[in-house]
Amino acid sequence: MDAQRDVTYEEAKAFAEENGLTFLECSAKTGENVEDAFLETARRIYQNIMDGSLDLNAADSGVQSKQGAVTSSRGVHQPNAGEGRETKKCLSC
């Protein structure tokens, strides 16, 4: 795989560090580190919310809410949950 690279690992890591970006090498082909990339992104977003560097109520935060949105029991925002469709429950869950 290294022969197919256009950018070396070191170049990519240095670019990320210089620009304040998170860097994690992953592979869509093998699945290596793909889940870790999403988890690390979620951790960073949550950390930014908790330390106040990301204000979800600010107009420029990029976060949009919709009227009638529902929050699940886990605190996950589910826009328009249950509207216009039948809800089925799994008794074995």
PDB file of N, CA and C in Angstrom:
ATOM      1  N   MET A   1       0.823  -1.193   0.000  1.00  0.00           N
ATOM      2  CA  MET A   1       0.000   0.000   0.000  1.00  0.00           C
ATOM      3  C   MET A   1       0.870   1.260   0.000  1.00  0.00           C
ATOM      4  N   ASP A   2       2.026   1.202   0.635  1.00  0.00           N
ATOM      5  CA  ASP A   2       2.891   2.378   0.663  1.00  0.00           C
ATOM      6  C   ASP A   2       3.293   2.836  -0.734  1.00  0.00           C
ATOM      7  N   ALA A   3       3.380   1.908  -1.679  1.00  0.00           N
ATOM      8  CA  ALA A   3       3.754   2.263  -3.048  1.00  0.00           C
ATOM      9  C   ALA A   3       2.672   3.099  -3.731  1.00  0.00           C
ATOM     10  N   GLN A   4       1.439   3.000  -3.251  1.00  0.00           N
ATOM     11  CA  GLN A   4       0.327   3.732  -3.855  1.00  0.00           C
ATOM     12  C   GLN A   4       0.134   5.117  -3.240  1.00  0.00           C
ATOM     13  N   ARG A   5       0.897   5.442  -2.240  1.00  0.00           N
ATOM     14  CA  ARG A   5       0.731   6.717  -1.539  1.00  0.00           C
ATOM     15  C   ARG A   5       1.180   7.900  -2.388  1.00  0.00           C
ATOM     16  N   ASP A   6       0.401   8.968  -2.323  1.00  0.00           N
ATOM     17  CA  ASP A   6       0.814  10.239  -2.917  1.00  0.00           C
ATOM     18  C   ASP A   6       1.426  11.142  -1.847  1.00  0.00           C
ATOM     19  N   VAL A   7       1.020  10.918  -0.601  1.00  0.00           N
ATOM     20  CA  VAL A   7       1.498  11.706   0.536  1.00  0.00           C
ATOM     21  C   VAL A   7       1.994  10.727   1.595  1.00  0.00           C
ATOM     22  N   THR A   8       3.180  10.971   2.128  1.00  0.00           N
ATOM     23  CA  THR A   8       3.707  10.068   3.150  1.00  0.00           C
ATOM     24  C   THR A   8       2.985  10.285   4.477  1.00  0.00           C
ATOM     25  N   TYR A   9       3.075   9.287   5.326  1.00  0.00           N
ATOM     26  CA  TYR A   9       2.500   9.371   6.671  1.00  0.00           C
ATOM     27  C   TYR A   9       3.055  10.599   7.391  1.00  0.00           C
ATOM     28  N   GLU A  10       4.365  10.787   7.310  1.00  0.00           N
ATOM     29  CA  GLU A  10       5.026  11.897   8.000  1.00  0.00           C
ATOM     30  C   GLU A  10       4.533  13.251   7.493  1.00  0.00           C
ATOM     31  N   GLU A  11       4.369  13.382   6.170  1.00  0.00           N
ATOM     32  CA  GLU A  11       3.867  14.637   5.594  1.00  0.00           C
ATOM     33  C   GLU A  11       2.444  14.927   6.072  1.00  0.00           C
ATOM     34  N   ALA A  12       1.609  13.914   6.075  1.00  0.00           N
ATOM     35  CA  ALA A  12       0.220  14.095   6.495  1.00  0.00           C
ATOM     36  C   ALA A  12       0.146  14.463   7.968  1.00  0.00           C
ATOM     37  N   LYS A  13       0.924  13.776   8.795  1.00  0.00           N
ATOM     38  CA  LYS A  13       0.929  14.057  10.231  1.00  0.00           C
ATOM     39  C   LYS A  13       1.433  15.476  10.503  1.00  0.00           C
ATOM     40  N   ALA A  14       2.492  15.873   9.812  1.00  0.00           N
ATOM     41  CA  ALA A  14       3.035  17.225   9.983  1.00  0.00           C
ATOM     42  C   ALA A  14       2.017  18.280   9.560  1.00  0.00           C
ATOM     43  N   PHE A  15       1.333  18.054   8.441  1.00  0.00           N
ATOM     44  CA  PHE A  15       0.308  18.990   7.978  1.00  0.00           C
ATOM     45  C   PHE A  15      -0.792  19.136   9.027  1.00  0.00           C
ATOM     46  N   ALA A  16      -1.235  18.019   9.582  1.00  0.00           N
ATOM     47  CA  ALA A  16      -2.288  18.053  10.600  1.00  0.00           C
ATOM     48  C   ALA A  16      -1.830  18.840  11.823  1.00  0.00           C
ATOM     49  N   GLU A  17      -0.623  18.580  12.283  1.00  0.00           N
ATOM     50  CA  GLU A  17      -0.100  19.287  13.456  1.00  0.00           C
ATOM     51  C   GLU A  17       0.027  20.785  13.198  1.00  0.00           C
ATOM     52  N   GLU A  18       0.534  21.163  12.038  1.00  0.00           N
ATOM     53  CA  GLU A  18       0.714  22.575  11.692  1.00  0.00           C
ATOM     54  C   GLU A  18      -0.608  23.325  11.597  1.00  0.00           C
ATOM     55  N   ASN A  19      -1.675  22.615  11.263  1.00  0.00           N
ATOM     56  CA  ASN A  19      -2.977  23.248  11.063  1.00  0.00           C
ATOM     57  C   ASN A  19      -3.979  22.945  12.170  1.00  0.00           C
ATOM     58  N   GLY A  20      -3.516  22.362  13.262  1.00  0.00           N
ATOM     59  CA  GLY A  20      -4.386  22.087  14.399  1.00  0.00           C
ATOM     60  C   GLY A  20      -5.469  21.063  14.098  1.00  0.00           C
ATOM     61  N   LEU A  21      -5.148  20.095  13.250  1.00  0.00           N
ATOM     62  CA  LEU A  21      -6.120  19.080  12.851  1.00  0.00           C
ATOM     63  C   LEU A  21      -5.829  17.750  13.533  1.00  0.00           C
ATOM     64  N   THR A  22      -6.859  16.959  13.702  1.00  0.00           N
ATOM     65  CA  THR A  22      -6.689  15.603  14.203  1.00  0.00           C
ATOM     66  C   THR A  22      -6.185  14.743  13.057  1.00  0.00           C
ATOM     67  N   PHE A  23      -5.227  13.880  13.352  1.00  0.00           N
ATOM     68  CA  PHE A  23      -4.709  12.982  12.321  1.00  0.00           C
ATOM     69  C   PHE A  23      -4.785  11.555  12.814  1.00  0.00           C
ATOM     70  N   LEU A  24      -5.415  10.727  12.019  1.00  0.00           N
ATOM     71  CA  LEU A  24      -5.488   9.297  12.299  1.00  0.00           C
ATOM     72  C   LEU A  24      -5.534   8.589  10.959  1.00  0.00           C
ATOM     73  N   GLU A  25      -4.565   7.757  10.710  1.00  0.00           N
ATOM     74  CA  GLU A  25      -4.532   7.031   9.445  1.00  0.00           C
ATOM     75  C   GLU A  25      -5.500   5.857   9.530  1.00  0.00           C
ATOM     76  N   CYS A  26      -6.330   5.715   8.508  1.00  0.00           N
ATOM     77  CA  CYS A  26      -7.297   4.613   8.480  1.00  0.00           C
ATOM     78  C   CYS A  26      -7.443   4.104   7.052  1.00  0.00           C
ATOM     79  N   SER A  27      -8.094   2.952   6.937  1.00  0.00           N
ATOM     80  CA  SER A  27      -8.255   2.331   5.627  1.00  0.00           C
ATOM     81  C   SER A  27      -9.700   1.939   5.394  1.00  0.00           C
ATOM     82  N   ALA A  28     -10.294   2.492   4.355  1.00  0.00           N
ATOM     83  CA  ALA A  28     -11.644   2.080   3.973  1.00  0.00           C
ATOM     84  C   ALA A  28     -11.610   0.666   3.394  1.00  0.00           C
ATOM     85  N   LYS A  29     -10.492   0.305   2.814  1.00  0.00           N
ATOM     86  CA  LYS A  29     -10.366  -1.019   2.196  1.00  0.00           C
ATOM     87  C   LYS A  29     -10.366  -2.127   3.246  1.00  0.00           C
ATOM     88  N   THR A  30      -9.580  -1.962   4.310  1.00  0.00           N
ATOM     89  CA  THR A  30      -9.484  -3.002   5.341  1.00  0.00           C
ATOM     90  C   THR A  30     -10.355  -2.713   6.553  1.00  0.00           C
ATOM     91  N   GLY A  31     -10.797  -1.464   6.689  1.00  0.00           N
ATOM     92  CA  GLY A  31     -11.589  -1.075   7.848  1.00  0.00           C
ATOM     93  C   GLY A  31     -10.737  -0.681   9.039  1.00  0.00           C
ATOM     94  N   GLU A  32      -9.430  -0.747   8.893  1.00  0.00           N
ATOM     95  CA  GLU A  32      -8.527  -0.428   9.993  1.00  0.00           C
ATOM     96  C   GLU A  32      -8.681   1.031  10.427  1.00  0.00           C
ATOM     97  N   ASN A  33      -8.944   1.236  11.712  1.00  0.00           N
ATOM     98  CA  ASN A  33      -9.055   2.557  12.348  1.00  0.00           C
ATOM     99  C   ASN A  33     -10.234   3.398  11.881  1.00  0.00           C
ATOM    100  N   VAL A  34     -11.136   2.866  11.081  1.00  0.00           N
ATOM    101  CA  VAL A  34     -12.278   3.653  10.611  1.00  0.00           C
ATOM    102  C   VAL A  34     -13.173   4.031  11.787  1.00  0.00           C
ATOM    103  N   GLU A  35     -13.522   3.061  12.620  1.00  0.00           N
ATOM    104  CA  GLU A  35     -14.363   3.358  13.782  1.00  0.00           C
ATOM    105  C   GLU A  35     -13.651   4.319  14.724  1.00  0.00           C
ATOM    106  N   ASP A  36     -12.349   4.131  14.910  1.00  0.00           N
ATOM    107  CA  ASP A  36     -11.578   5.024  15.774  1.00  0.00           C
ATOM    108  C   ASP A  36     -11.630   6.467  15.285  1.00  0.00           C
ATOM    109  N   ALA A  37     -11.621   6.665  13.978  1.00  0.00           N
ATOM    110  CA  ALA A  37     -11.690   8.020  13.424  1.00  0.00           C
ATOM    111  C   ALA A  37     -13.004   8.697  13.804  1.00  0.00           C
ATOM    112  N   PHE A  38     -14.110   7.967  13.699  1.00  0.00           N
ATOM    113  CA  PHE A  38     -15.408   8.531  14.075  1.00  0.00           C
ATOM    114  C   PHE A  38     -15.487   8.772  15.579  1.00  0.00           C
ATOM    115  N   LEU A  39     -14.995   7.822  16.369  1.00  0.00           N
ATOM    116  CA  LEU A  39     -15.040   7.975  17.825  1.00  0.00           C
ATOM    117  C   LEU A  39     -14.193   9.157  18.290  1.00  0.00           C
ATOM    118  N   GLU A  40     -13.012   9.313  17.724  1.00  0.00           N
ATOM    119  CA  GLU A  40     -12.149  10.436  18.102  1.00  0.00           C
ATOM    120  C   GLU A  40     -12.792  11.767  17.717  1.00  0.00           C
ATOM    121  N   THR A  41     -13.426  11.827  16.564  1.00  0.00           N
ATOM    122  CA  THR A  41     -14.125  13.044  16.149  1.00  0.00           C
ATOM    123  C   THR A  41     -15.253  13.365  17.117  1.00  0.00           C
ATOM    124  N   ALA A  42     -16.025  12.366  17.499  1.00  0.00           N
ATOM    125  CA  ALA A  42     -17.117  12.573  18.455  1.00  0.00           C
ATOM    126  C   ALA A  42     -16.580  13.036  19.803  1.00  0.00           C
ATOM    127  N   ARG A  43     -15.472  12.438  20.258  1.00  0.00           N
ATOM    128  CA  ARG A  43     -14.859  12.856  21.534  1.00  0.00           C
ATOM    129  C   ARG A  43     -14.434  14.322  21.479  1.00  0.00           C
ATOM    130  N   ARG A  44     -13.825  14.710  20.376  1.00  0.00           N
ATOM    131  CA  ARG A  44     -13.360  16.095  20.237  1.00  0.00           C
ATOM    132  C   ARG A  44     -14.530  17.078  20.224  1.00  0.00           C
ATOM    133  N   ILE A  45     -15.584  16.727  19.516  1.00  0.00           N
ATOM    134  CA  ILE A  45     -16.765  17.596  19.485  1.00  0.00           C
ATOM    135  C   ILE A  45     -17.346  17.727  20.882  1.00  0.00           C
ATOM    136  N   TYR A  46     -17.509  16.606  21.575  1.00  0.00           N
ATOM    137  CA  TYR A  46     -18.058  16.624  22.935  1.00  0.00           C
ATOM    138  C   TYR A  46     -17.163  17.443  23.865  1.00  0.00           C
ATOM    139  N   GLN A  47     -15.855  17.245  23.760  1.00  0.00           N
ATOM    140  CA  GLN A  47     -14.909  17.995  24.585  1.00  0.00           C
ATOM    141  C   GLN A  47     -15.039  19.497  24.320  1.00  0.00           C
ATOM    142  N   ASN A  48     -15.178  19.884  23.057  1.00  0.00           N
ATOM    143  CA  ASN A  48     -15.332  21.299  22.712  1.00  0.00           C
ATOM    144  C   ASN A  48     -16.633  21.878  23.259  1.00  0.00           C
ATOM    145  N   ILE A  49     -17.683  21.079  23.289  1.00  0.00           N
ATOM    146  CA  ILE A  49     -18.950  21.532  23.865  1.00  0.00           C
ATOM    147  C   ILE A  49     -18.792  21.715  25.365  1.00  0.00           C
ATOM    148  N   MET A  50     -18.193  20.728  26.019  1.00  0.00           N
ATOM    149  CA  MET A  50     -18.059  20.767  27.473  1.00  0.00           C
ATOM    150  C   MET A  50     -17.141  21.889  27.949  1.00  0.00           C
ATOM    151  N   ASP A  51     -16.070  22.184  27.210  1.00  0.00           N
ATOM    152  CA  ASP A  51     -15.163  23.244  27.658  1.00  0.00           C
ATOM    153  C   ASP A  51     -15.588  24.634  27.176  1.00  0.00           C
ATOM    154  N   GLY A  52     -16.712  24.690  26.435  1.00  0.00           N
ATOM    155  CA  GLY A  52     -17.266  25.975  26.030  1.00  0.00           C
ATOM    156  C   GLY A  52     -16.694  26.547  24.747  1.00  0.00           C
ATOM    157  N   SER A  53     -15.764  25.844  24.115  1.00  0.00           N
ATOM    158  CA  SER A  53     -15.205  26.385  22.875  1.00  0.00           C
ATOM    159  C   SER A  53     -16.146  26.199  21.688  1.00  0.00           C
ATOM    160  N   LEU A  54     -17.194  25.400  21.855  1.00  0.00           N
ATOM    161  CA  LEU A  54     -18.238  25.258  20.845  1.00  0.00           C
ATOM    162  C   LEU A  54     -19.574  25.520  21.517  1.00  0.00           C
ATOM    163  N   ASP A  55     -20.222  26.603  21.132  1.00  0.00           N
ATOM    164  CA  ASP A  55     -21.523  26.980  21.683  1.00  0.00           C
ATOM    165  C   ASP A  55     -22.601  26.537  20.710  1.00  0.00           C
ATOM    166  N   LEU A  56     -23.358  25.529  21.101  1.00  0.00           N
ATOM    167  CA  LEU A  56     -24.387  24.987  20.221  1.00  0.00           C
ATOM    168  C   LEU A  56     -25.500  25.982  19.928  1.00  0.00           C
ATOM    169  N   ASN A  57     -25.651  26.994  20.752  1.00  0.00           N
ATOM    170  CA  ASN A  57     -26.707  27.980  20.553  1.00  0.00           C
ATOM    171  C   ASN A  57     -26.275  29.144  19.665  1.00  0.00           C
ATOM    172  N   ALA A  58     -24.994  29.231  19.368  1.00  0.00           N
ATOM    173  CA  ALA A  58     -24.497  30.312  18.519  1.00  0.00           C
ATOM    174  C   ALA A  58     -24.935  30.081  17.076  1.00  0.00           C
ATOM    175  N   ALA A  59     -25.315  31.146  16.417  1.00  0.00           N
ATOM    176  CA  ALA A  59     -25.802  31.046  15.035  1.00  0.00           C
ATOM    177  C   ALA A  59     -24.737  30.494  14.093  1.00  0.00           C
ATOM    178  N   ASP A  60     -23.470  30.760  14.387  1.00  0.00           N
ATOM    179  CA  ASP A  60     -22.396  30.300  13.502  1.00  0.00           C
ATOM    180  C   ASP A  60     -21.782  28.965  13.917  1.00  0.00           C
ATOM    181  N   SER A  61     -22.442  28.236  14.833  1.00  0.00           N
ATOM    182  CA  SER A  61     -21.893  26.962  15.304  1.00  0.00           C
ATOM    183  C   SER A  61     -22.030  25.845  14.280  1.00  0.00           C
ATOM    184  N   GLY A  62     -22.920  26.029  13.311  1.00  0.00           N
ATOM    185  CA  GLY A  62     -23.148  24.978  12.328  1.00  0.00           C
ATOM    186  C   GLY A  62     -24.175  23.963  12.777  1.00  0.00           C
ATOM    187  N   VAL A  63     -24.684  24.128  13.994  1.00  0.00           N
ATOM    188  CA  VAL A  63     -25.686  23.204  14.522  1.00  0.00           C
ATOM    189  C   VAL A  63     -27.058  23.801  14.282  1.00  0.00           C
ATOM    190  N   GLN A  64     -27.927  23.025  13.674  1.00  0.00           N
ATOM    191  CA  GLN A  64     -29.284  23.479  13.414  1.00  0.00           C
ATOM    192  C   GLN A  64     -30.258  22.555  14.117  1.00  0.00           C
ATOM    193  N   SER A  65     -31.275  23.133  14.726  1.00  0.00           N
ATOM    194  CA  SER A  65     -32.315  22.310  15.341  1.00  0.00           C
ATOM    195  C   SER A  65     -33.612  22.546  14.589  1.00  0.00           C
ATOM    196  N   LYS A  66     -34.476  21.556  14.646  1.00  0.00           N
ATOM    197  CA  LYS A  66     -35.764  21.659  13.972  1.00  0.00           C
ATOM    198  C   LYS A  66     -36.862  21.659  15.012  1.00  0.00           C
ATOM    199  N   GLN A  67     -37.953  22.327  14.701  1.00  0.00           N
ATOM    200  CA  GLN A  67     -39.119  22.300  15.568  1.00  0.00           C
ATOM    201  C   GLN A  67     -39.632  20.875  15.638  1.00  0.00           C
ATOM    202  N   GLY A  68     -40.070  20.443  16.806  1.00  0.00           N
ATOM    203  CA  GLY A  68     -40.642  19.111  16.951  1.00  0.00           C
ATOM    204  C   GLY A  68     -39.604  18.019  17.076  1.00  0.00           C
ATOM    205  N   ALA A  69     -38.336  18.391  17.266  1.00  0.00           N
ATOM    206  CA  ALA A  69     -37.304  17.375  17.414  1.00  0.00           C
ATOM    207  C   ALA A  69     -37.454  16.687  18.760  1.00  0.00           C
ATOM    208  N   VAL A  70     -37.082  15.431  18.804  1.00  0.00           N
ATOM    209  CA  VAL A  70     -37.211  14.617  20.007  1.00  0.00           C
ATOM    210  C   VAL A  70     -35.824  14.192  20.452  1.00  0.00           C
ATOM    211  N   THR A  71     -35.599  14.172  21.758  1.00  0.00           N
ATOM    212  CA  THR A  71     -34.356  13.659  22.301  1.00  0.00           C
ATOM    213  C   THR A  71     -34.637  12.296  22.898  1.00  0.00           C
ATOM    214  N   SER A  72     -33.833  11.314  22.554  1.00  0.00           N
ATOM    215  CA  SER A  72     -34.043   9.955  23.049  1.00  0.00           C
ATOM    216  C   SER A  72     -33.638   9.847  24.507  1.00  0.00           C
ATOM    217  N   SER A  73     -33.902   8.694  25.112  1.00  0.00           N
ATOM    218  CA  SER A  73     -33.556   8.480  26.511  1.00  0.00           C
ATOM    219  C   SER A  73     -32.053   8.513  26.727  1.00  0.00           C
ATOM    220  N   ARG A  74     -31.270   8.333  25.684  1.00  0.00           N
ATOM    221  CA  ARG A  74     -29.816   8.402  25.790  1.00  0.00           C
ATOM    222  C   ARG A  74     -29.306   9.811  25.527  1.00  0.00           C
ATOM    223  N   GLY A  75     -30.185  10.753  25.295  1.00  0.00           N
ATOM    224  CA  GLY A  75     -29.782  12.124  25.039  1.00  0.00           C
ATOM    225  C   GLY A  75     -29.375  12.372  23.600  1.00  0.00           C
ATOM    226  N   VAL A  76     -29.670  11.441  22.719  1.00  0.00           N
ATOM    227  CA  VAL A  76     -29.325  11.587  21.313  1.00  0.00           C
ATOM    228  C   VAL A  76     -30.439  12.343  20.613  1.00  0.00           C
ATOM    229  N   HIS A  77     -30.066  13.363  19.893  1.00  0.00           N
ATOM    230  CA  HIS A  77     -31.030  14.202  19.181  1.00  0.00           C
ATOM    231  C   HIS A  77     -31.562  13.440  17.977  1.00  0.00           C
ATOM    232  N   GLN A  78     -32.880  13.281  17.904  1.00  0.00           N
ATOM    233  CA  GLN A  78     -33.511  12.584  16.791  1.00  0.00           C
ATOM    234  C   GLN A  78     -34.508  13.525  16.126  1.00  0.00           C
ATOM    235  N   PRO A  79     -34.084  14.228  15.071  1.00  0.00           N
ATOM    236  CA  PRO A  79     -34.989  15.177  14.421  1.00  0.00           C
ATOM    237  C   PRO A  79     -36.263  14.515  13.927  1.00  0.00           C
ATOM    238  N   ASN A  80     -37.387  15.112  14.290  1.00  0.00           N
ATOM    239  CA  ASN A  80     -38.702  14.669  13.839  1.00  0.00           C
ATOM    240  C   ASN A  80     -38.942  13.179  14.046  1.00  0.00           C
ATOM    241  N   ALA A  81     -38.451  12.647  15.144  1.00  0.00           N
ATOM    242  CA  ALA A  81     -38.616  11.219  15.418  1.00  0.00           C
ATOM    243  C   ALA A  81     -40.085  10.867  15.522  1.00  0.00           C
ATOM    244  N   GLY A  82     -40.468   9.835  14.845  1.00  0.00           N
ATOM    245  CA  GLY A  82     -41.821   9.318  14.934  1.00  0.00           C
ATOM    246  C   GLY A  82     -42.843  10.024  14.083  1.00  0.00           C
ATOM    247  N   GLU A  83     -42.483  11.070  13.395  1.00  0.00           N
ATOM    248  CA  GLU A  83     -43.459  11.797  12.593  1.00  0.00           C
ATOM    249  C   GLU A  83     -43.729  11.063  11.287  1.00  0.00           C
ATOM    250  N   GLY A  84     -44.989  10.797  11.005  1.00  0.00           N
ATOM    251  CA  GLY A  84     -45.382  10.251   9.723  1.00  0.00           C
ATOM    252  C   GLY A  84     -45.013   8.806   9.487  1.00  0.00           C
ATOM    253  N   ARG A  85     -44.684   8.081  10.548  1.00  0.00           N
ATOM    254  CA  ARG A  85     -44.394   6.664  10.364  1.00  0.00           C
ATOM    255  C   ARG A  85     -44.775   5.900  11.621  1.00  0.00           C
ATOM    256  N   GLU A  86     -45.015   4.637  11.443  1.00  0.00           N
ATOM    257  CA  GLU A  86     -45.412   3.782  12.548  1.00  0.00           C
ATOM    258  C   GLU A  86     -44.168   3.378  13.331  1.00  0.00           C
ATOM    259  N   THR A  87     -44.264   3.395  14.656  1.00  0.00           N
ATOM    260  CA  THR A  87     -43.149   2.996  15.493  1.00  0.00           C
ATOM    261  C   THR A  87     -43.345   1.558  15.939  1.00  0.00           C
ATOM    262  N   LYS A  88     -42.329   0.740  15.748  1.00  0.00           N
ATOM    263  CA  LYS A  88     -42.374  -0.651  16.176  1.00  0.00           C
ATOM    264  C   LYS A  88     -41.389  -0.833  17.313  1.00  0.00           C
ATOM    265  N   LYS A  89     -41.751  -1.634  18.293  1.00  0.00           N
ATOM    266  CA  LYS A  89     -40.870  -1.890  19.419  1.00  0.00           C
ATOM    267  C   LYS A  89     -40.444  -3.345  19.414  1.00  0.00           C
ATOM    268  N   CYS A  90     -39.219  -3.577  19.796  1.00  0.00           N
ATOM    269  CA  CYS A  90     -38.676  -4.923  19.874  1.00  0.00           C
ATOM    270  C   CYS A  90     -38.705  -5.354  21.332  1.00  0.00           C
ATOM    271  N   LEU A  91     -39.445  -6.385  21.649  1.00  0.00           N
ATOM    272  CA  LEU A  91     -39.577  -6.834  23.025  1.00  0.00           C
ATOM    273  C   LEU A  91     -38.348  -7.561  23.522  1.00  0.00           C
ATOM    274  N   SER A  92     -37.505  -8.039  22.642  1.00  0.00           N
ATOM    275  CA  SER A  92     -36.323  -8.777  23.066  1.00  0.00           C
ATOM    276  C   SER A  92     -35.107  -7.885  23.271  1.00  0.00           C
ATOM    277  N   CYS A  93     -35.247  -6.592  23.007  1.00  0.00           N
ATOM    278  CA  CYS A  93     -34.101  -5.688  23.127  1.00  0.00           C
ATOM    279  C   CYS A  93     -33.840  -5.322  24.566  1.00  0.00           C
TER     280      CYS A  93
END
